[in-house]
Amino acid sequence: MSEVKEYRSKVRIRAIKLADFASIPKVNEFVGLPTNVEFQTDGSFRIRVVRSPFDVVIINQGQCVYKTEEGALKTCTEEWLQSEYEEVTTA
């Protein structure tokens, strides 16, 4: 199951992975903006995060979404996230 994890480099970010269908509600809560789920013909899915009519972030299944210190949403792979940041999540 997907959980919000905290990572740090010289700056701290928060990130969550869109791992499976069950992770959609947690990703929606994390981004805090209107979203649409789109199902692909290959069986995968993605989430469109609507920041404004002309500003949309697409999170593909298997990708992570993170918030910068300024609050901007960005997507990345889990591998990139782990190579750039040290996880500092506490229980």
Protein backbone atom coordinates (compact mmCIF):
# COMPACT_ATOMS: atom_id res chain seq x y z
CA MET A 1 0.00 0.00 0.00
CA SER A 2 1.25 3.49 -0.77
CA GLU A 3 2.14 5.78 2.12
CA VAL A 4 3.38 9.36 2.12
CA LYS A 5 7.13 9.31 2.79
CA GLU A 6 9.46 12.18 3.60
CA TYR A 7 12.87 12.64 1.96
CA ARG A 8 15.62 15.23 2.28
CA SER A 9 18.52 16.55 0.34
CA LYS A 10 19.49 20.10 1.10
CA VAL A 11 15.76 20.74 1.00
CA ARG A 12 12.89 18.62 2.25
CA ILE A 13 10.13 17.32 0.04
CA ARG A 14 7.14 15.05 0.56
CA ALA A 15 6.34 12.35 -1.99
CA ILE A 16 3.95 9.51 -2.66
CA LYS A 17 3.94 6.77 -5.31
CA LEU A 18 0.94 6.02 -7.53
CA ALA A 19 1.56 2.30 -7.16
CA ASP A 20 -1.80 0.67 -7.73
CA PHE A 21 -5.51 1.34 -7.81
CA ALA A 22 -5.71 1.32 -3.99
CA SER A 23 -3.20 4.21 -3.82
CA ILE A 24 -5.45 6.63 -5.76
CA PRO A 25 -7.31 8.04 -2.70
CA LYS A 26 -4.03 8.71 -0.84
CA VAL A 27 -2.50 10.41 -3.90
CA ASN A 28 -5.65 12.52 -4.29
CA GLU A 29 -5.48 13.57 -0.64
CA PHE A 30 -1.77 14.36 -0.97
CA VAL A 31 -2.12 16.63 -4.03
CA GLY A 32 -5.18 18.40 -2.60
CA LEU A 33 -6.43 19.50 -6.02
CA PRO A 34 -9.11 18.27 -8.44
CA THR A 35 -8.08 15.05 -10.20
CA ASN A 36 -9.32 12.69 -12.90
CA VAL A 37 -8.35 9.03 -13.25
CA GLU A 38 -7.76 7.89 -16.81
CA PHE A 39 -7.60 4.21 -17.69
CA GLN A 40 -5.29 3.23 -20.55
CA THR A 41 -5.86 0.49 -23.14
CA ASP A 42 -2.91 -1.50 -21.77
CA GLY A 43 -4.64 -1.81 -18.36
CA SER A 44 -2.60 0.88 -16.61
CA PHE A 45 -3.99 4.17 -15.38
CA ARG A 46 -2.88 7.70 -14.65
CA ILE A 47 -4.11 10.67 -12.66
CA ARG A 48 -4.53 14.13 -14.14
CA VAL A 49 -4.12 16.81 -11.47
CA VAL A 50 -5.91 19.98 -12.56
CA ARG A 51 -4.17 23.06 -11.17
CA SER A 52 -5.94 25.33 -13.68
CA PRO A 53 -7.58 24.81 -17.09
CA PHE A 54 -4.19 25.18 -18.78
CA ASP A 55 -1.97 23.71 -16.04
CA VAL A 56 -2.28 19.94 -15.60
CA VAL A 57 0.15 17.48 -13.99
CA ILE A 58 -0.05 13.88 -15.20
CA ILE A 59 1.02 11.11 -12.80
CA ASN A 60 1.42 7.76 -14.54
CA GLN A 61 0.99 4.50 -12.64
CA GLY A 62 4.34 3.65 -11.04
CA GLN A 63 5.50 7.28 -10.86
CA CYS A 64 5.93 9.36 -7.72
CA VAL A 65 4.57 12.85 -7.20
CA TYR A 66 6.31 15.23 -4.84
CA LYS A 67 5.81 18.72 -3.48
CA THR A 68 8.68 21.17 -3.52
CA GLU A 69 9.28 23.55 -0.62
CA GLU A 70 7.35 26.15 -2.64
CA GLY A 71 4.38 23.79 -2.97
CA ALA A 72 4.82 22.96 -6.66
CA LEU A 73 3.89 19.44 -7.77
CA LYS A 74 6.48 17.46 -9.75
CA THR A 75 6.61 13.86 -10.97
CA CYS A 76 9.56 11.49 -10.98
CA THR A 77 10.53 7.85 -10.77
CA GLU A 78 11.09 6.21 -7.42
CA GLU A 79 14.67 5.49 -8.49
CA TRP A 80 15.37 9.18 -9.15
CA LEU A 81 13.79 10.15 -5.85
CA GLN A 82 15.98 7.71 -3.93
CA SER A 83 19.12 8.80 -5.79
CA GLU A 84 18.55 12.51 -5.08
CA TYR A 85 17.07 12.42 -1.58
CA GLU A 86 17.55 10.54 1.67
CA GLU A 87 14.31 9.23 3.15
CA VAL A 88 13.68 10.70 6.59
CA THR A 89 10.17 9.38 7.26
CA THR A 90 9.55 8.73 10.95
CA ALA A 91 6.98 6.31 12.27
